[in-house]
Amino acid sequence: MKKLMRNLLTFTLLMSVLIMTACSSTDEKAGAVKNKDGKTEINFWHAMAGAGEETLNEIVEDFNQSQDQYVVKPEFQGSYEELLTKYRSVGGTKDAPAIVQTFEVGTKYMIDSGFIEPVQSFIDEDNYDLTQLERNILSYYTVDHKLYSMPFNSSTPVLIYNKDAFKEAGLDPEKAPETFNEVKRASAKLTKKKGDSTERYGFSMLTYGWFFEELLATQGGFYVNEDNGRDGDATKALFNGKEGQQVFNFLNDMNKEGTFGNFGTNWDDIRAAFQTEKVAMYLDSSAGVTDIIKNAPFEVGVAYIPHADDTEREGVIIGGASLWMSKGIDQQQQKAAWEFMKFLASPESQAKWHVETGYFAINPEAYDEPIVKEKHQEFPQLKVTVNQLHDTKPSVATKGALITVFPESRQQIVTALENMYQGMDPKKALNQAAKETDKAIEIANKTK
């Protein structure tokens, strides 16, 4: 009898374990992550630090409080490059976040990775009206008429200049130079020498590939073949053609004349040089405009980036980053991710984001919000950044290039610029960057 009772007890316990295991397996397979309140939780990996992270956390909290079904958990993962490296190790697994922020040059990699679900699927299902968002921002992330990711923190480069220095040099502070030659002539007048040293340079540009890409595109130049990689996998760099050479010659001429200040690859260093009046003009991101105006001890002007004298201005490529949805996660998590993306794109959220960070509003209706109108009245220079985006001509050049190895190629441009500043022939330096990019593209295409 005792043996029978023991067997029954063992059988009952075994069945209980099997039932619990089955339930657990079902939940794990479904991928449903519920908190104690029964809400679906999703992780959001991002690269926003400092003030950007603070504002992002506030908007996330606004979303979490706006409804009772979902909870978004933002997680800072370091720089764009660090974040993408981490995502590569978990993409396609149950450890992948529902939403991941990726910089614009990671677009081709994300599309080819197989780790993501295009947001176009949810746009179609939800009949979401994309016309409410900025056309020139959407175009970058749209491939073969399909929007792969939701634009988020978007920026473009602008020319920032010291109006007081312009007055001192006899230049019109309300009329910034528009072409390469105009920049060179203004730089010669703005440069201040004292003996063998230079107290103030006329112009500077961060040694960063993004600015080269922009100066190339505003001339209508392509970065790679296959219609900038949008009509098929690119196989060859084109940035060392006429338009690219004009950018390098423009910078090299001023460097040789002593009117160009080389402040390296660090954003803080070049911004500090401007604020301490060691340089009178430089290129910066539109997202940095507000802080520069606030911190500079002089009147700051903002203008469109310059273009080559023998071309018409095409405009700018959107920079920054977008939000991608992981593939293979639970449908409820994907639904939560989509609802959050829509919330971020609302005029109210975008108004807050634009005002507190300086990034563009991806929803133009945000510019009609009272807080934005007040901000633009206080900082009218911000209107210049918006106007430059709106004046950009939609083209293959201004859509931007798509290549899997874009981060590596950018580094080749950095190396080329550094070599040129140290005396290498500009054509040789740029051709070398193109050659190394071609090698990287070839390897990437073979391993797809």
Protein backbone atom coordinates (compact mmCIF):
# COMPACT_ATOMS: atom_id res chain seq x y z
CA MET A 1 0.00 0.00 0.00
CA LYS A 2 2.79 2.38 0.97
CA LYS A 3 4.59 1.52 -2.25
CA LEU A 4 1.42 2.25 -4.23
CA MET A 5 1.02 5.60 -2.49
CA ARG A 6 4.64 6.48 -3.21
CA ASN A 7 4.17 5.61 -6.89
CA LEU A 8 1.00 7.70 -7.09
CA LEU A 9 2.77 10.65 -5.44
CA THR A 10 5.74 10.29 -7.79
CA PHE A 11 3.42 10.12 -10.80
CA THR A 12 1.50 13.22 -9.62
CA LEU A 13 4.69 15.21 -9.10
CA LEU A 14 6.04 14.10 -12.48
CA MET A 15 2.84 15.17 -14.24
CA SER A 16 2.95 18.53 -12.46
CA VAL A 17 6.51 19.11 -13.62
CA LEU A 18 5.61 18.12 -17.18
CA ILE A 19 2.62 20.45 -17.22
CA MET A 20 4.66 23.34 -15.81
CA THR A 21 7.44 22.66 -18.31
CA ALA A 22 4.97 22.57 -21.18
CA CYS A 23 3.45 25.90 -20.08
CA SER A 24 6.89 27.42 -19.66
CA SER A 25 7.95 26.19 -23.11
CA THR A 26 4.81 27.62 -24.65
CA ASP A 27 5.42 31.01 -23.06
CA GLU A 28 9.09 30.99 -24.08
CA LYS A 29 8.25 29.98 -27.62
CA ALA A 30 5.66 32.73 -27.82
CA GLY A 31 8.26 35.16 -26.56
CA ALA A 32 5.65 37.00 -24.51
CA VAL A 33 7.32 39.08 -21.80
CA LYS A 34 4.78 40.32 -19.31
CA ASN A 35 5.48 42.45 -16.25
CA LYS A 36 3.66 42.10 -12.92
CA ASP A 37 0.84 44.30 -14.25
CA GLY A 38 0.32 42.04 -17.27
CA LYS A 39 1.77 44.53 -19.75
CA THR A 40 3.96 43.48 -22.67
CA GLU A 41 7.54 44.65 -22.10
CA ILE A 42 10.01 45.38 -24.89
CA ASN A 43 13.65 46.40 -24.86
CA PHE A 44 14.83 49.40 -26.89
CA TRP A 45 18.56 49.61 -27.57
CA HIS A 46 19.80 53.10 -28.35
CA ALA A 47 22.97 55.20 -28.63
CA MET A 48 21.71 58.49 -27.23
CA ALA A 49 23.90 59.84 -24.44
CA GLY A 50 23.76 62.99 -22.29
CA ALA A 51 20.88 65.38 -22.92
CA GLY A 52 19.63 63.21 -25.79
CA GLU A 53 19.22 60.25 -23.47
CA GLU A 54 17.42 62.35 -20.88
CA THR A 55 14.89 63.59 -23.43
CA LEU A 56 14.47 60.12 -24.92
CA ASN A 57 13.77 58.65 -21.48
CA GLU A 58 11.13 61.33 -20.89
CA ILE A 59 9.39 60.51 -24.19
CA VAL A 60 9.51 56.79 -23.39
CA GLU A 61 7.90 57.48 -20.03
CA ASP A 62 5.23 59.57 -21.76
CA PHE A 63 4.45 56.55 -23.95
CA ASN A 64 4.41 54.13 -21.04
CA GLN A 65 1.94 56.36 -19.20
CA SER A 66 -0.23 56.98 -22.27
CA GLN A 67 -1.65 53.45 -22.45
CA ASP A 68 -1.98 50.30 -20.33
CA GLN A 69 -0.84 47.52 -22.70
CA TYR A 70 2.88 48.05 -23.28
CA VAL A 71 6.05 49.06 -21.47
CA VAL A 72 9.20 50.17 -23.32
CA LYS A 73 12.52 49.75 -21.51
CA PRO A 74 15.24 51.97 -23.04
CA GLU A 75 18.81 50.68 -22.74
CA PHE A 76 21.89 52.73 -23.67
CA GLN A 77 24.41 50.56 -25.55
CA GLY A 78 27.27 53.00 -26.22
CA SER A 79 28.19 54.58 -29.55
CA TYR A 80 26.51 53.70 -32.84
CA GLU A 81 29.44 51.45 -33.72
CA GLU A 82 29.38 49.71 -30.32
CA LEU A 83 25.62 49.23 -30.48
CA LEU A 84 25.75 47.68 -33.96
CA THR A 85 28.52 45.31 -32.87
CA LYS A 86 26.41 44.14 -29.92
CA TYR A 87 23.34 43.71 -32.10
CA ARG A 88 25.29 41.61 -34.58
CA SER A 89 25.94 39.11 -31.79
CA VAL A 90 22.26 38.71 -30.80
CA GLY A 91 20.33 39.52 -33.97
CA GLY A 92 17.93 36.74 -34.92
CA THR A 93 17.91 35.25 -31.41
CA LYS A 94 15.51 35.52 -28.46
CA ASP A 95 18.01 37.90 -26.83
CA ALA A 96 17.56 40.53 -29.53
CA PRO A 97 15.83 43.77 -28.46
CA ALA A 98 12.47 44.54 -30.04
CA ILE A 99 13.78 47.92 -31.26
CA VAL A 100 17.34 48.86 -32.15
CA GLN A 101 18.62 52.29 -33.17
CA THR A 102 21.13 52.18 -36.04
CA PHE A 103 23.00 55.04 -37.69
CA GLU A 104 22.20 55.76 -41.30
CA VAL A 105 25.31 54.09 -42.74
CA GLY A 106 24.25 50.81 -41.09
CA THR A 107 21.15 50.69 -43.28
CA LYS A 108 22.46 48.29 -45.93
CA TYR A 109 23.83 45.91 -43.31
CA MET A 110 20.53 45.84 -41.44
CA ILE A 111 18.55 45.15 -44.62
CA ASP A 112 20.85 42.30 -45.66
CA SER A 113 21.20 40.82 -42.16
CA GLY A 114 17.86 39.02 -42.10
CA PHE A 115 17.49 40.13 -38.48
CA ILE A 116 14.83 42.76 -39.02
CA GLU A 117 11.17 43.11 -39.93
CA PRO A 118 10.58 46.03 -42.34
CA VAL A 119 8.23 48.57 -40.79
CA GLN A 120 6.48 48.70 -44.17
CA SER A 121 4.65 45.52 -43.07
CA PHE A 122 2.99 47.42 -40.23
CA ILE A 123 2.45 50.54 -42.32
CA ASP A 124 0.46 48.50 -44.84
CA GLU A 125 -1.46 46.58 -42.19
CA ASP A 126 -2.29 49.73 -40.23
CA ASN A 127 -2.90 51.97 -43.28
CA TYR A 128 -0.46 54.38 -41.67
CA ASP A 129 -0.20 57.66 -43.59
CA LEU A 130 3.47 58.18 -44.46
CA THR A 131 2.75 61.49 -46.19
CA GLN A 132 2.63 63.11 -42.76
CA LEU A 133 6.40 62.54 -42.40
CA GLU A 134 9.29 64.40 -44.06
CA ARG A 135 9.77 63.12 -47.62
CA ASN A 136 13.49 63.91 -47.73
CA ILE A 137 14.06 61.92 -44.53
CA LEU A 138 11.94 58.93 -45.56
CA SER A 139 13.77 58.65 -48.88
CA TYR A 140 17.02 57.52 -47.26
CA TYR A 141 15.44 54.56 -45.50
CA THR A 142 13.20 53.58 -48.43
CA VAL A 143 14.55 50.89 -50.77
CA ASP A 144 12.54 49.39 -53.64
CA HIS A 145 9.50 51.37 -52.50
CA LYS A 146 9.67 49.77 -49.04
CA LEU A 147 10.36 51.66 -45.81
CA TYR A 148 12.65 49.45 -43.75
CA SER A 149 13.03 51.50 -40.59
CA MET A 150 11.32 54.42 -38.89
CA PRO A 151 13.37 57.64 -39.03
CA PHE A 152 14.09 59.07 -35.59
CA ASN A 153 17.01 61.36 -34.80
CA SER A 154 17.67 63.08 -38.11
CA SER A 155 20.23 65.78 -38.84
CA THR A 156 22.11 67.43 -41.70
CA PRO A 157 25.34 69.44 -41.84
CA VAL A 158 25.32 73.23 -41.81
CA LEU A 159 27.89 76.00 -42.10
CA ILE A 160 28.30 77.79 -38.77
CA TYR A 161 30.12 81.11 -38.66
CA ASN A 162 31.15 83.94 -36.35
CA LYS A 163 29.20 87.06 -37.36
CA ASP A 164 31.42 89.33 -35.25
CA ALA A 165 34.51 88.02 -37.07
CA PHE A 166 32.77 88.68 -40.39
CA LYS A 167 32.18 92.32 -39.42
CA GLU A 168 35.78 92.67 -38.29
CA ALA A 169 37.04 91.27 -41.61
CA GLY A 170 34.80 93.55 -43.66
CA LEU A 171 32.45 90.74 -44.71
CA ASP A 172 28.65 90.89 -44.71
CA PRO A 173 27.55 88.99 -41.55
CA GLU A 174 24.14 88.33 -43.09
CA LYS A 175 25.56 86.71 -46.23
CA ALA A 176 27.57 83.54 -45.71
CA PRO A 177 29.72 82.18 -48.56
CA GLU A 178 27.83 79.70 -50.75
CA THR A 179 30.50 78.14 -52.99
CA PHE A 180 33.92 76.59 -52.44
CA ASN A 181 35.71 79.61 -53.92
CA GLU A 182 33.63 82.02 -51.82
CA VAL A 183 34.60 80.06 -48.69
CA LYS A 184 38.26 80.21 -49.70
CA ARG A 185 38.17 83.97 -50.28
CA ALA A 186 36.32 84.61 -47.01
CA SER A 187 38.75 82.34 -45.14
CA ALA A 188 41.71 84.35 -46.38
CA LYS A 189 40.14 87.52 -44.94
CA LEU A 190 39.08 85.86 -41.67
CA THR A 191 42.44 84.26 -40.91
CA LYS A 192 44.50 86.19 -38.33
CA LYS A 193 48.27 85.74 -38.09
CA LYS A 194 50.64 86.83 -35.39
CA GLY A 195 54.22 86.29 -36.37
CA ASP A 196 54.65 82.65 -37.36
CA SER A 197 51.54 81.52 -35.50
CA THR A 198 47.88 81.63 -36.48
CA GLU A 199 45.49 83.15 -33.95
CA ARG A 200 42.38 82.39 -35.97
CA TYR A 201 41.78 80.19 -39.01
CA GLY A 202 39.15 81.05 -41.56
CA PHE A 203 37.58 77.61 -41.98
CA SER A 204 37.62 74.10 -40.60
CA MET A 205 35.89 70.78 -41.07
CA LEU A 206 35.94 67.80 -38.74
CA THR A 207 37.99 64.95 -40.15
CA TYR A 208 34.91 62.79 -40.56
CA GLY A 209 33.60 60.96 -43.62
CA TRP A 210 30.04 62.23 -43.23
CA PHE A 211 30.98 65.78 -44.22
CA PHE A 212 32.81 64.54 -47.30
CA GLU A 213 29.70 62.55 -48.31
CA GLU A 214 27.57 65.68 -47.97
CA LEU A 215 29.90 67.91 -49.99
CA LEU A 216 29.95 65.19 -52.63
CA ALA A 217 26.16 64.80 -52.77
CA THR A 218 25.38 68.51 -52.92
CA GLN A 219 27.26 68.51 -56.26
CA GLY A 220 25.18 65.53 -57.43
CA GLY A 221 28.11 63.15 -57.03
CA PHE A 222 27.63 59.42 -56.36
CA TYR A 223 29.51 57.55 -53.64
CA VAL A 224 29.34 54.13 -55.32
CA ASN A 225 28.02 52.59 -58.54
CA GLU A 226 24.67 50.84 -59.10
CA ASP A 227 22.87 54.16 -58.57
CA ASN A 228 24.57 54.64 -55.22
CA GLY A 229 23.86 51.03 -54.31
CA ARG A 230 20.10 51.52 -54.61
CA ASP A 231 19.71 49.61 -57.86
CA GLY A 232 21.67 46.56 -56.74
CA ASP A 233 24.75 45.69 -54.71
CA ALA A 234 27.47 48.25 -55.31
CA THR A 235 30.77 46.90 -56.63
CA LYS A 236 32.91 50.01 -57.03
CA ALA A 237 33.52 53.35 -55.33
CA LEU A 238 32.82 56.44 -57.42
CA PHE A 239 33.60 59.07 -54.79
CA ASN A 240 37.06 59.65 -56.25
CA GLY A 241 35.58 61.10 -59.42
CA LYS A 242 35.38 64.79 -60.36
CA GLU A 243 33.07 65.80 -57.50
CA GLY A 244 35.13 64.06 -54.84
CA GLN A 245 38.35 65.54 -56.20
CA GLN A 246 36.81 69.00 -56.03
CA VAL A 247 36.07 68.51 -52.32
CA PHE A 248 39.63 67.37 -51.60
CA ASN A 249 41.16 70.16 -53.70
CA PHE A 250 38.98 72.71 -51.90
CA LEU A 251 40.27 71.57 -48.51
CA ASN A 252 43.84 71.07 -49.69
CA ASP A 253 44.10 74.58 -51.17
CA MET A 254 43.10 76.20 -47.86
CA ASN A 255 45.34 73.88 -45.88
CA LYS A 256 48.33 74.89 -48.02
CA GLU A 257 47.39 78.57 -47.78
CA GLY A 258 47.27 78.34 -44.00
CA THR A 259 43.60 79.40 -43.79
CA PHE A 260 42.31 75.93 -42.84
CA GLY A 261 42.49 74.76 -39.24
CA ASN A 262 42.81 71.02 -38.66
CA PHE A 263 41.24 70.20 -35.29
CA GLY A 264 41.14 66.44 -35.74
CA THR A 265 38.33 63.93 -35.42
CA ASN A 266 36.73 64.94 -32.12
CA TRP A 267 33.48 66.95 -32.22
CA ASP A 268 34.20 68.64 -28.89
CA ASP A 269 37.60 69.88 -30.09
CA ILE A 270 36.33 71.62 -33.22
CA ARG A 271 33.36 73.13 -31.35
CA ALA A 272 35.68 74.41 -28.65
CA ALA A 273 37.93 75.92 -31.33
CA PHE A 274 34.97 77.84 -32.73
CA GLN A 275 33.73 79.04 -29.35
CA THR A 276 37.21 80.25 -28.38
CA GLU A 277 37.53 82.06 -31.74
CA LYS A 278 40.34 79.92 -33.09
CA VAL A 279 38.30 79.39 -36.25
CA ALA A 280 35.66 81.63 -37.82
CA MET A 281 33.68 79.12 -39.94
CA TYR A 282 33.20 75.37 -39.77
CA LEU A 283 30.79 72.58 -40.66
CA ASP A 284 28.70 71.04 -37.90
CA SER A 285 25.60 68.91 -37.46
CA SER A 286 22.28 70.74 -37.34
CA ALA A 287 21.71 68.93 -34.03
CA GLY A 288 24.53 70.95 -32.45
CA VAL A 289 23.30 74.41 -33.46
CA THR A 290 21.40 75.37 -30.30
CA ASP A 291 24.24 74.55 -27.91
CA ILE A 292 26.76 76.41 -30.08
CA ILE A 293 24.59 79.55 -30.10
CA LYS A 294 24.07 79.34 -26.33
CA ASN A 295 27.76 78.88 -25.50
CA ALA A 296 29.47 81.20 -28.01
CA PRO A 297 30.48 84.66 -26.67
CA PHE A 298 29.61 86.24 -30.04
CA GLU A 299 26.77 86.31 -32.55
CA VAL A 300 26.47 83.04 -34.46
CA GLY A 301 25.30 82.66 -38.06
CA VAL A 302 24.02 79.45 -39.66
CA ALA A 303 23.93 78.80 -43.41
CA TYR A 304 23.65 76.06 -46.03
CA ILE A 305 26.76 73.96 -46.70
CA PRO A 306 28.86 75.21 -49.65
CA HIS A 307 28.97 73.60 -53.08
CA ALA A 308 31.43 73.58 -55.98
CA ASP A 309 31.34 76.71 -58.14
CA ASP A 310 30.58 74.86 -61.37
CA THR A 311 27.51 73.04 -60.00
CA GLU A 312 24.07 73.94 -58.71
CA ARG A 313 23.24 73.05 -55.13
CA GLU A 314 21.51 69.66 -54.92
CA GLY A 315 21.04 69.71 -51.16
CA VAL A 316 21.92 67.41 -48.28
CA ILE A 317 21.68 63.74 -47.31
CA ILE A 318 19.91 63.01 -44.06
CA GLY A 319 22.18 61.91 -41.22
CA GLY A 320 21.50 60.56 -37.76
CA ALA A 321 19.75 57.26 -37.13
CA SER A 322 16.53 55.31 -37.42
CA LEU A 323 14.67 52.63 -35.47
CA TRP A 324 14.57 49.01 -36.63
CA MET A 325 12.24 46.22 -35.51
CA SER A 326 13.66 42.78 -34.77
CA LYS A 327 12.34 39.83 -36.73
CA GLY A 328 11.18 36.61 -35.09
CA ILE A 329 10.04 38.11 -31.81
CA ASP A 330 6.55 37.68 -30.39
CA GLN A 331 3.76 39.40 -32.35
CA GLN A 332 2.68 41.32 -29.26
CA GLN A 333 6.23 42.64 -28.88
CA GLN A 334 6.25 43.70 -32.52
CA LYS A 335 2.89 45.38 -31.99
CA ALA A 336 4.30 47.19 -28.96
CA ALA A 337 7.34 48.29 -30.99
CA TRP A 338 5.13 49.62 -33.79
CA GLU A 339 2.86 51.52 -31.40
CA PHE A 340 5.92 53.10 -29.80
CA MET A 341 7.36 54.08 -33.18
CA LYS A 342 4.08 55.79 -34.10
CA PHE A 343 4.08 57.59 -30.76
CA LEU A 344 7.63 58.84 -31.38
CA ALA A 345 6.59 60.14 -34.82
CA SER A 346 3.64 62.14 -33.45
CA PRO A 347 3.82 65.96 -33.69
CA GLU A 348 3.88 66.28 -29.89
CA SER A 349 6.77 63.85 -29.39
CA GLN A 350 8.72 65.29 -32.32
CA ALA A 351 8.21 68.85 -31.09
CA LYS A 352 9.71 67.90 -27.73
CA TRP A 353 12.57 66.01 -29.41
CA HIS A 354 13.37 68.88 -31.81
CA VAL A 355 13.27 71.59 -29.14
CA GLU A 356 15.35 69.74 -26.55
CA THR A 357 17.93 68.08 -28.82
CA GLY A 358 18.15 70.13 -32.02
CA TYR A 359 17.41 67.15 -34.26
CA PHE A 360 14.86 67.62 -37.02
CA ALA A 361 11.22 66.84 -36.45
CA ILE A 362 10.46 63.93 -38.78
CA ASN A 363 6.82 65.06 -38.64
CA PRO A 364 6.58 68.62 -40.06
CA GLU A 365 3.39 69.28 -38.08
CA ALA A 366 5.65 69.48 -35.04
CA TYR A 367 6.88 72.88 -36.26
CA ASP A 368 3.38 74.25 -35.64
CA GLU A 369 3.47 73.25 -31.98
CA PRO A 370 3.72 76.25 -29.58
CA ILE A 371 6.96 75.05 -27.96
CA VAL A 372 8.65 74.89 -31.38
CA LYS A 373 7.43 78.33 -32.44
CA GLU A 374 8.80 79.78 -29.21
CA LYS A 375 12.13 78.02 -29.75
CA HIS A 376 12.44 79.24 -33.33
CA GLN A 377 11.67 82.77 -32.20
CA GLU A 378 14.47 82.52 -29.65
CA PHE A 379 16.85 80.78 -32.10
CA PRO A 380 15.89 81.80 -35.67
CA GLN A 381 19.04 80.06 -36.91
CA LEU A 382 17.20 76.75 -36.45
CA LYS A 383 14.91 77.68 -39.33
CA VAL A 384 17.92 77.65 -41.66
CA THR A 385 18.53 73.95 -40.93
CA VAL A 386 14.88 73.12 -41.68
CA ASN A 387 14.86 75.23 -44.86
CA GLN A 388 18.00 73.54 -46.17
CA LEU A 389 16.32 70.15 -45.77
CA HIS A 390 13.15 71.34 -47.50
CA ASP A 391 15.16 72.92 -50.33
CA THR A 392 17.00 69.67 -51.02
CA LYS A 393 16.25 68.22 -54.45
CA PRO A 394 15.13 64.57 -54.28
CA SER A 395 17.72 62.64 -56.29
CA VAL A 396 19.83 59.50 -56.18
CA ALA A 397 22.71 61.61 -54.85
CA THR A 398 20.76 63.21 -51.98
CA LYS A 399 19.09 59.92 -51.03
CA GLY A 400 22.53 58.75 -49.96
CA ALA A 401 24.49 55.60 -50.75
CA LEU A 402 23.80 52.07 -49.53
CA ILE A 403 26.78 49.79 -48.95
CA THR A 404 27.30 47.14 -46.29
CA VAL A 405 30.83 48.33 -45.52
CA PHE A 406 30.00 52.03 -45.14
CA PRO A 407 31.59 52.39 -41.67
CA GLU A 408 34.84 50.92 -43.03
CA SER A 409 34.71 53.18 -46.07
CA ARG A 410 34.21 56.24 -43.87
CA GLN A 411 37.38 55.34 -42.03
CA GLN A 412 39.22 55.21 -45.36
CA ILE A 413 38.07 58.77 -46.07
CA VAL A 414 39.35 59.85 -42.65
CA THR A 415 42.73 58.30 -43.44
CA ALA A 416 42.77 59.99 -46.86
CA LEU A 417 42.04 63.40 -45.34
CA GLU A 418 44.74 62.95 -42.70
CA ASN A 419 47.27 61.91 -45.35
CA MET A 420 46.39 64.91 -47.50
CA TYR A 421 46.72 67.36 -44.61
CA GLN A 422 50.20 65.90 -44.02
CA GLY A 423 51.23 66.57 -47.61
CA MET A 424 50.02 63.67 -49.77
CA ASP A 425 48.67 64.59 -53.20
CA PRO A 426 44.85 64.93 -52.83
CA LYS A 427 44.12 62.80 -55.89
CA LYS A 428 46.43 60.03 -54.69
CA ALA A 429 44.93 60.12 -51.19
CA LEU A 430 41.35 59.87 -52.47
CA ASN A 431 42.17 57.16 -55.02
CA GLN A 432 43.75 55.12 -52.25
CA ALA A 433 40.56 55.41 -50.16
CA ALA A 434 38.51 54.28 -53.17
CA LYS A 435 40.82 51.31 -53.76
CA GLU A 436 40.49 50.15 -50.15
CA THR A 437 36.72 50.63 -50.28
CA ASP A 438 36.56 48.49 -53.43
CA LYS A 439 38.42 45.71 -51.62
CA ALA A 440 36.03 45.86 -48.66
CA ILE A 441 32.98 45.82 -50.96
CA GLU A 442 34.33 42.82 -52.87
CA ILE A 443 34.87 40.81 -49.68
CA ALA A 444 31.43 41.77 -48.35
CA ASN A 445 29.71 40.77 -51.61
CA LYS A 446 31.46 37.40 -51.65
CA THR A 447 30.40 36.57 -48.09
CA LYS A 448 26.72 37.48 -48.48
